Structures are given as structure tokens and as C-alpha cells.
PDB file of all heavy atoms in Angstrom:
ATOM      1  N   PRO A   1     119.063 170.138  51.691  1.00  0.00           N
ATOM      2  CA  PRO A   1     117.918 169.621  52.451  1.00  0.00           C
ATOM      3  C   PRO A   1     116.998 168.714  51.637  1.00  0.00           C
ATOM      4  O   PRO A   1     116.248 167.927  52.213  1.00  0.00           O
ATOM      5  CB  PRO A   1     117.185 170.893  52.896  1.00  0.00           C
ATOM      6  CG  PRO A   1     117.652 171.975  51.971  1.00  0.00           C
ATOM      7  CD  PRO A   1     119.051 171.613  51.591  1.00  0.00           C
ATOM      8  N   LEU A   2     117.064 168.801  50.315  1.00  0.00           N
ATOM      9  CA  LEU A   2     116.224 167.936  49.475  1.00  0.00           C
ATOM     10  C   LEU A   2     116.650 166.472  49.581  1.00  0.00           C
ATOM     11  O   LEU A   2     115.872 165.571  49.246  1.00  0.00           O
ATOM     12  CB  LEU A   2     116.284 168.380  48.005  1.00  0.00           C
ATOM     13  CG  LEU A   2     115.699 169.763  47.691  1.00  0.00           C
ATOM     14  CD1 LEU A   2     115.863 170.082  46.215  1.00  0.00           C
ATOM     15  CD2 LEU A   2     114.217 169.823  48.076  1.00  0.00           C
ATOM     16  N   ASP A   3     117.894 166.243  50.052  1.00  0.00           N
ATOM     17  CA  ASP A   3     118.381 164.865  50.200  1.00  0.00           C
ATOM     18  C   ASP A   3     117.659 164.117  51.315  1.00  0.00           C
ATOM     19  O   ASP A   3     117.786 162.898  51.425  1.00  0.00           O
ATOM     20  CB  ASP A   3     119.893 164.857  50.473  1.00  0.00           C
ATOM     21  CG  ASP A   3     120.709 165.157  49.216  1.00  0.00           C
ATOM     22  OD1 ASP A   3     120.116 165.122  48.117  1.00  0.00           O
ATOM     23  OD2 ASP A   3     121.912 165.431  49.346  1.00  0.00           O
ATOM     24  N   ASP A   4     116.919 164.845  52.160  1.00  0.00           N
ATOM     25  CA  ASP A   4     116.107 164.205  53.203  1.00  0.00           C
ATOM     26  C   ASP A   4     114.622 164.339  52.871  1.00  0.00           C
ATOM     27  O   ASP A   4     113.782 164.510  53.741  1.00  0.00           O
ATOM     28  CB  ASP A   4     116.400 164.836  54.571  1.00  0.00           C
ATOM     29  CG  ASP A   4     115.749 164.056  55.719  1.00  0.00           C
ATOM     30  OD1 ASP A   4     115.464 162.853  55.523  1.00  0.00           O
ATOM     31  OD2 ASP A   4     115.512 164.651  56.785  1.00  0.00           O
ATOM     32  N   SER A   5     114.330 164.263  51.578  1.00  0.00           N
ATOM     33  CA  SER A   5     112.931 164.379  51.129  1.00  0.00           C
ATOM     34  C   SER A   5     112.659 163.342  50.055  1.00  0.00           C
ATOM     35  O   SER A   5     113.562 162.639  49.609  1.00  0.00           O
ATOM     36  CB  SER A   5     112.672 165.777  50.561  1.00  0.00           C
ATOM     37  OG  SER A   5     113.236 165.892  49.250  1.00  0.00           O
ATOM     38  N   ALA A   6     111.390 163.284  49.631  1.00  0.00           N
ATOM     39  CA  ALA A   6     111.013 162.362  48.555  1.00  0.00           C
ATOM     40  C   ALA A   6     111.093 163.022  47.184  1.00  0.00           C
ATOM     41  O   ALA A   6     110.663 162.449  46.187  1.00  0.00           O
ATOM     42  CB  ALA A   6     109.593 161.844  48.796  1.00  0.00           C
ATOM     43  N   VAL A   7     111.646 164.239  47.123  1.00  0.00           N
ATOM     44  CA  VAL A   7     111.858 164.891  45.827  1.00  0.00           C
ATOM     45  C   VAL A   7     112.976 164.148  45.098  1.00  0.00           C
ATOM     46  O   VAL A   7     114.057 163.916  45.661  1.00  0.00           O
ATOM     47  CB  VAL A   7     112.234 166.376  45.999  1.00  0.00           C
ATOM     48  CG1 VAL A   7     112.536 167.020  44.638  1.00  0.00           C
ATOM     49  CG2 VAL A   7     111.106 167.130  46.695  1.00  0.00           C
ATOM     50  N   HIS A   8     112.733 163.763  43.848  1.00  0.00           N
ATOM     51  CA  HIS A   8     113.736 163.011  43.090  1.00  0.00           C
ATOM     52  C   HIS A   8     114.871 163.942  42.666  1.00  0.00           C
ATOM     53  O   HIS A   8     114.630 165.095  42.290  1.00  0.00           O
ATOM     54  CB  HIS A   8     113.088 162.381  41.849  1.00  0.00           C
ATOM     55  CG  HIS A   8     113.888 161.267  41.277  1.00  0.00           C
ATOM     56  ND1 HIS A   8     115.056 161.472  40.568  1.00  0.00           N
ATOM     57  CD2 HIS A   8     113.707 159.919  41.316  1.00  0.00           C
ATOM     58  CE1 HIS A   8     115.557 160.303  40.191  1.00  0.00           C
ATOM     59  NE2 HIS A   8     114.759 159.339  40.633  1.00  0.00           N
ATOM     60  N   PRO A   9     116.126 163.463  42.721  1.00  0.00           N
ATOM     61  CA  PRO A   9     117.257 164.304  42.303  1.00  0.00           C
ATOM     62  C   PRO A   9     117.097 164.896  40.904  1.00  0.00           C
ATOM     63  O   PRO A   9     117.628 165.985  40.635  1.00  0.00           O
ATOM     64  CB  PRO A   9     118.449 163.332  42.354  1.00  0.00           C
ATOM     65  CG  PRO A   9     118.076 162.346  43.408  1.00  0.00           C
ATOM     66  CD  PRO A   9     116.589 162.177  43.283  1.00  0.00           C
ATOM     67  N   GLU A  10     116.363 164.206  40.020  1.00  0.00           N
ATOM     68  CA  GLU A  10     116.159 164.730  38.668  1.00  0.00           C
ATOM     69  C   GLU A  10     115.313 166.012  38.674  1.00  0.00           C
ATOM     70  O   GLU A  10     115.238 166.714  37.655  1.00  0.00           O
ATOM     71  CB  GLU A  10     115.511 163.669  37.770  1.00  0.00           C
ATOM     72  CG  GLU A  10     114.087 163.303  38.165  1.00  0.00           C
ATOM     73  CD  GLU A  10     113.521 162.115  37.390  1.00  0.00           C
ATOM     74  OE1 GLU A  10     114.275 161.494  36.613  1.00  0.00           O
ATOM     75  OE2 GLU A  10     112.328 161.813  37.570  1.00  0.00           O
ATOM     76  N   ARG A  11     114.677 166.334  39.819  1.00  0.00           N
ATOM     77  CA  ARG A  11     113.834 167.536  39.921  1.00  0.00           C
ATOM     78  C   ARG A  11     114.453 168.604  40.841  1.00  0.00           C
ATOM     79  O   ARG A  11     113.802 169.591  41.147  1.00  0.00           O
ATOM     80  CB  ARG A  11     112.435 167.165  40.437  1.00  0.00           C
ATOM     81  CG  ARG A  11     111.714 166.135  39.603  1.00  0.00           C
ATOM     82  CD  ARG A  11     111.448 166.614  38.189  1.00  0.00           C
ATOM     83  NE  ARG A  11     110.839 165.564  37.371  1.00  0.00           N
ATOM     84  CZ  ARG A  11     111.155 165.319  36.104  1.00  0.00           C
ATOM     85  NH1 ARG A  11     112.092 166.054  35.498  1.00  0.00           N
ATOM     86  NH2 ARG A  11     110.552 164.350  35.440  1.00  0.00           N
ATOM     87  N   TYR A  12     115.700 168.399  41.276  1.00  0.00           N
ATOM     88  CA  TYR A  12     116.342 169.394  42.138  1.00  0.00           C
ATOM     89  C   TYR A  12     116.456 170.745  41.423  1.00  0.00           C
ATOM     90  O   TYR A  12     116.242 171.804  42.034  1.00  0.00           O
ATOM     91  CB  TYR A  12     117.739 168.926  42.557  1.00  0.00           C
ATOM     92  CG  TYR A  12     117.772 167.890  43.672  1.00  0.00           C
ATOM     93  CD1 TYR A  12     116.609 167.265  44.109  1.00  0.00           C
ATOM     94  CD2 TYR A  12     118.969 167.537  44.290  1.00  0.00           C
ATOM     95  CE1 TYR A  12     116.645 166.316  45.126  1.00  0.00           C
ATOM     96  CE2 TYR A  12     119.023 166.594  45.307  1.00  0.00           C
ATOM     97  CZ  TYR A  12     117.853 165.981  45.715  1.00  0.00           C
ATOM     98  OH  TYR A  12     117.893 165.046  46.719  1.00  0.00           O
ATOM     99  N   ALA A  13     116.836 170.706  40.158  1.00  0.00           N
ATOM    100  CA  ALA A  13     116.995 171.960  39.394  1.00  0.00           C
ATOM    101  C   ALA A  13     115.677 172.724  39.323  1.00  0.00           C
ATOM    102  O   ALA A  13     115.658 173.960  39.399  1.00  0.00           O
ATOM    103  CB  ALA A  13     117.517 171.654  37.993  1.00  0.00           C
ATOM    104  N   LEU A  14     114.582 171.982  39.192  1.00  0.00           N
ATOM    105  CA  LEU A  14     113.255 172.603  39.140  1.00  0.00           C
ATOM    106  C   LEU A  14     112.949 173.312  40.462  1.00  0.00           C
ATOM    107  O   LEU A  14     112.463 174.460  40.473  1.00  0.00           O
ATOM    108  CB  LEU A  14     112.195 171.531  38.851  1.00  0.00           C
ATOM    109  CG  LEU A  14     110.733 171.967  38.922  1.00  0.00           C
ATOM    110  CD1 LEU A  14     110.420 172.999  37.857  1.00  0.00           C
ATOM    111  CD2 LEU A  14     109.807 170.757  38.763  1.00  0.00           C
ATOM    112  N   VAL A  15     113.231 172.638  41.583  1.00  0.00           N
ATOM    113  CA  VAL A  15     112.989 173.247  42.898  1.00  0.00           C
ATOM    114  C   VAL A  15     113.891 174.468  43.085  1.00  0.00           C
ATOM    115  O   VAL A  15     113.463 175.498  43.633  1.00  0.00           O
ATOM    116  CB  VAL A  15     113.227 172.218  44.032  1.00  0.00           C
ATOM    117  CG1 VAL A  15     113.052 172.877  45.392  1.00  0.00           C
ATOM    118  CG2 VAL A  15     112.272 171.038  43.892  1.00  0.00           C
ATOM    119  N   GLN A  16     115.125 174.387  42.582  1.00  0.00           N
ATOM    120  CA  GLN A  16     116.053 175.522  42.655  1.00  0.00           C
ATOM    121  C   GLN A  16     115.480 176.724  41.908  1.00  0.00           C
ATOM    122  O   GLN A  16     115.538 177.868  42.393  1.00  0.00           O
ATOM    123  CB  GLN A  16     117.403 175.112  42.039  1.00  0.00           C
ATOM    124  CG  GLN A  16     118.459 176.209  42.042  1.00  0.00           C
ATOM    125  CD  GLN A  16     118.950 176.542  43.440  1.00  0.00           C
ATOM    126  OE1 GLN A  16     119.415 175.672  44.165  1.00  0.00           O
ATOM    127  NE2 GLN A  16     118.833 177.799  43.839  1.00  0.00           N
ATOM    128  N   THR A  17     114.889 176.456  40.752  1.00  0.00           N
ATOM    129  CA  THR A  17     114.267 177.530  39.959  1.00  0.00           C
ATOM    130  C   THR A  17     113.096 178.146  40.711  1.00  0.00           C
ATOM    131  O   THR A  17     112.930 179.374  40.740  1.00  0.00           O
ATOM    132  CB  THR A  17     113.794 176.975  38.596  1.00  0.00           C
ATOM    133  OG1 THR A  17     114.910 176.408  37.912  1.00  0.00           O
ATOM    134  CG2 THR A  17     113.192 178.075  37.739  1.00  0.00           C
ATOM    135  N   MET A  18     112.262 177.276  41.334  1.00  0.00           N
ATOM    136  CA  MET A  18     111.121 177.773  42.116  1.00  0.00           C
ATOM    137  C   MET A  18     111.602 178.695  43.242  1.00  0.00           C
ATOM    138  O   MET A  18     111.039 179.783  43.467  1.00  0.00           O
ATOM    139  CB  MET A  18     110.344 176.603  42.725  1.00  0.00           C
ATOM    140  CG  MET A  18     109.526 175.791  41.752  1.00  0.00           C
ATOM    141  SD  MET A  18     108.718 174.403  42.623  1.00  0.00           S
ATOM    142  CE  MET A  18     107.722 173.701  41.314  1.00  0.00           C
ATOM    143  N   ALA A  19     112.644 178.251  43.959  1.00  0.00           N
ATOM    144  CA  ALA A  19     113.171 179.036  45.079  1.00  0.00           C
ATOM    145  C   ALA A  19     113.746 180.365  44.583  1.00  0.00           C
ATOM    146  O   ALA A  19     113.514 181.426  45.187  1.00  0.00           O
ATOM    147  CB  ALA A  19     114.241 178.231  45.816  1.00  0.00           C
ATOM    148  N   LYS A  20     114.488 180.299  43.485  1.00  0.00           N
ATOM    149  CA  LYS A  20     115.097 181.506  42.904  1.00  0.00           C
ATOM    150  C   LYS A  20     114.026 182.517  42.513  1.00  0.00           C
ATOM    151  O   LYS A  20     114.156 183.721  42.769  1.00  0.00           O
ATOM    152  CB  LYS A  20     115.943 181.106  41.692  1.00  0.00           C
ATOM    153  CG  LYS A  20     116.737 182.260  41.101  1.00  0.00           C
ATOM    154  CD  LYS A  20     117.571 181.771  39.919  1.00  0.00           C
ATOM    155  CE  LYS A  20     118.337 182.940  39.290  1.00  0.00           C
ATOM    156  NZ  LYS A  20     119.120 182.507  38.096  1.00  0.00           N
ATOM    157  N   ASN A  21     112.938 182.017  41.882  1.00  0.00           N
ATOM    158  CA  ASN A  21     111.854 182.905  41.454  1.00  0.00           C
ATOM    159  C   ASN A  21     111.142 183.551  42.636  1.00  0.00           C
ATOM    160  O   ASN A  21     110.502 184.595  42.500  1.00  0.00           O
ATOM    161  CB  ASN A  21     110.851 182.138  40.590  1.00  0.00           C
ATOM    162  CG  ASN A  21     111.439 181.749  39.247  1.00  0.00           C
ATOM    163  OD1 ASN A  21     112.474 182.280  38.834  1.00  0.00           O
ATOM    164  ND2 ASN A  21     110.791 180.823  38.548  1.00  0.00           N
ATOM    165  N   LYS A  22     111.211 182.877  43.800  1.00  0.00           N
ATOM    166  CA  LYS A  22     110.604 183.434  45.011  1.00  0.00           C
ATOM    167  C   LYS A  22     111.606 184.281  45.811  1.00  0.00           C
ATOM    168  O   LYS A  22     111.254 184.857  46.848  1.00  0.00           O
ATOM    169  CB  LYS A  22     110.063 182.295  45.905  1.00  0.00           C
ATOM    170  CG  LYS A  22     108.754 181.701  45.412  1.00  0.00           C
ATOM    171  CD  LYS A  22     107.637 182.727  45.532  1.00  0.00           C
ATOM    172  CE  LYS A  22     106.381 182.287  44.835  1.00  0.00           C
ATOM    173  NZ  LYS A  22     105.347 183.339  44.862  1.00  0.00           N
ATOM    174  N   GLY A  23     112.842 184.277  45.326  1.00  0.00           N
ATOM    175  CA  GLY A  23     113.860 185.087  45.985  1.00  0.00           C
ATOM    176  C   GLY A  23     114.326 184.535  47.308  1.00  0.00           C
ATOM    177  O   GLY A  23     114.739 185.286  48.202  1.00  0.00           O
ATOM    178  N   VAL A  24     114.259 183.203  47.463  1.00  0.00           N
ATOM    179  CA  VAL A  24     114.702 182.572  48.713  1.00  0.00           C
ATOM    180  C   VAL A  24     115.598 181.375  48.404  1.00  0.00           C
ATOM    181  O   VAL A  24     115.614 180.872  47.279  1.00  0.00           O
ATOM    182  CB  VAL A  24     113.503 182.091  49.576  1.00  0.00           C
ATOM    183  CG1 VAL A  24     112.636 183.260  50.007  1.00  0.00           C
ATOM    184  CG2 VAL A  24     112.666 181.057  48.821  1.00  0.00           C
ATOM    185  N   ALA A  25     116.346 180.938  49.427  1.00  0.00           N
ATOM    186  CA  ALA A  25     117.129 179.710  49.292  1.00  0.00           C
ATOM    187  C   ALA A  25     116.191 178.508  49.427  1.00  0.00           C
ATOM    188  O   ALA A  25     115.098 178.622  49.981  1.00  0.00           O
ATOM    189  CB  ALA A  25     118.205 179.657  50.368  1.00  0.00           C
ATOM    190  N   ILE A  26     116.637 177.360  48.931  1.00  0.00           N
ATOM    191  CA  ILE A  26     115.815 176.146  49.009  1.00  0.00           C
ATOM    192  C   ILE A  26     115.434 175.847  50.454  1.00  0.00           C
ATOM    193  O   ILE A  26     114.283 175.524  50.745  1.00  0.00           O
ATOM    194  CB  ILE A  26     116.552 174.937  48.379  1.00  0.00           C
ATOM    195  CG1 ILE A  26     116.623 175.093  46.855  1.00  0.00           C
ATOM    196  CG2 ILE A  26     115.832 173.631  48.730  1.00  0.00           C
ATOM    197  CD1 ILE A  26     117.386 173.984  46.151  1.00  0.00           C
ATOM    198  N   LYS A  27     116.390 175.976  51.372  1.00  0.00           N
ATOM    199  CA  LYS A  27     116.108 175.648  52.781  1.00  0.00           C
ATOM    200  C   LYS A  27     115.030 176.559  53.369  1.00  0.00           C
ATOM    201  O   LYS A  27     114.306 176.167  54.293  1.00  0.00           O
ATOM    202  CB  LYS A  27     117.385 175.699  53.615  1.00  0.00           C
ATOM    203  CG  LYS A  27     118.019 177.066  53.759  1.00  0.00           C
ATOM    204  CD  LYS A  27     119.293 176.982  54.593  1.00  0.00           C
ATOM    205  CE  LYS A  27     120.001 178.337  54.680  1.00  0.00           C
ATOM    206  NZ  LYS A  27     119.214 179.374  55.337  1.00  0.00           N
ATOM    207  N   ASP A  28     114.908 177.782  52.822  1.00  0.00           N
ATOM    208  CA  ASP A  28     113.885 178.709  53.311  1.00  0.00           C
ATOM    209  C   ASP A  28     112.542 178.493  52.617  1.00  0.00           C
ATOM    210  O   ASP A  28     111.506 178.947  53.120  1.00  0.00           O
ATOM    211  CB  ASP A  28     114.350 180.155  53.104  1.00  0.00           C
ATOM    212  CG  ASP A  28     115.616 180.458  53.896  1.00  0.00           C
ATOM    213  OD1 ASP A  28     115.703 179.988  55.046  1.00  0.00           O
ATOM    214  OD2 ASP A  28     116.515 181.127  53.352  1.00  0.00           O
ATOM    215  N   LEU A  29     112.581 177.826  51.465  1.00  0.00           N
ATOM    216  CA  LEU A  29     111.326 177.500  50.771  1.00  0.00           C
ATOM    217  C   LEU A  29     110.649 176.294  51.432  1.00  0.00           C
ATOM    218  O   LEU A  29     109.421 176.226  51.519  1.00  0.00           O
ATOM    219  CB  LEU A  29     111.616 177.196  49.297  1.00  0.00           C
ATOM    220  CG  LEU A  29     110.399 176.922  48.393  1.00  0.00           C
ATOM    221  CD1 LEU A  29     109.494 178.151  48.294  1.00  0.00           C
ATOM    222  CD2 LEU A  29     110.848 176.476  46.998  1.00  0.00           C
ATOM    223  N   ILE A  30     111.474 175.359  51.910  1.00  0.00           N
ATOM    224  CA  ILE A  30     110.945 174.140  52.532  1.00  0.00           C
ATOM    225  C   ILE A  30     110.184 174.489  53.815  1.00  0.00           C
ATOM    226  O   ILE A  30     110.687 175.203  54.682  1.00  0.00           O
ATOM    227  CB  ILE A  30     112.086 173.150  52.842  1.00  0.00           C
ATOM    228  CG1 ILE A  30     112.662 172.577  51.535  1.00  0.00           C
ATOM    229  CG2 ILE A  30     111.605 172.011  53.733  1.00  0.00           C
ATOM    230  CD1 ILE A  30     113.887 171.724  51.715  1.00  0.00           C
ATOM    231  N   GLY A  31     108.958 174.004  53.900  1.00  0.00           N
ATOM    232  CA  GLY A  31     108.130 174.248  55.075  1.00  0.00           C
ATOM    233  C   GLY A  31     107.455 175.609  55.073  1.00  0.00           C
ATOM    234  O   GLY A  31     106.662 175.911  55.977  1.00  0.00           O
ATOM    235  N   ASN A  32     107.757 176.441  54.070  1.00  0.00           N
ATOM    236  CA  ASN A  32     107.160 177.782  53.968  1.00  0.00           C
ATOM    237  C   ASN A  32     105.843 177.672  53.208  1.00  0.00           C
ATOM    238  O   ASN A  32     105.789 177.849  51.988  1.00  0.00           O
ATOM    239  CB  ASN A  32     108.135 178.721  53.246  1.00  0.00           C
ATOM    240  CG  ASN A  32     107.675 180.165  53.275  1.00  0.00           C
ATOM    241  OD1 ASN A  32     106.480 180.453  53.431  1.00  0.00           O
ATOM    242  ND2 ASN A  32     108.627 181.082  53.105  1.00  0.00           N
ATOM    243  N   LYS A  33     104.790 177.335  53.936  1.00  0.00           N
ATOM    244  CA  LYS A  33     103.507 177.034  53.309  1.00  0.00           C
ATOM    245  C   LYS A  33     102.983 178.202  52.470  1.00  0.00           C
ATOM    246  O   LYS A  33     102.463 178.009  51.367  1.00  0.00           O
ATOM    247  CB  LYS A  33     102.485 176.650  54.381  1.00  0.00           C
ATOM    248  CG  LYS A  33     101.246 175.973  53.816  1.00  0.00           C
ATOM    249  CD  LYS A  33     100.385 175.385  54.924  1.00  0.00           C
ATOM    250  CE  LYS A  33      99.195 174.646  54.306  1.00  0.00           C
ATOM    251  NZ  LYS A  33      98.304 174.080  55.333  1.00  0.00           N
TER     252      LYS A  33
END
């Protein structure tokens, strides 16, 4: 889902880490205010 965002591919791993630390998949982190 990050491919339809303004997040740069060089930061995908960072977002993956954020999602992992929250115990959710990236798609479930997106829009989860």
C-alpha cells in the first residue's frame, strides 16, 4: 500500500519497523490515526 503514497521507497523499511513495533501489518497502520 505504500506504493500509492508519498512515502519514499528508501523509507519503507522504517515504516515496516514502525508497524512491527505496533504489532500490526503496514496496511493496518495506514489510516489508523
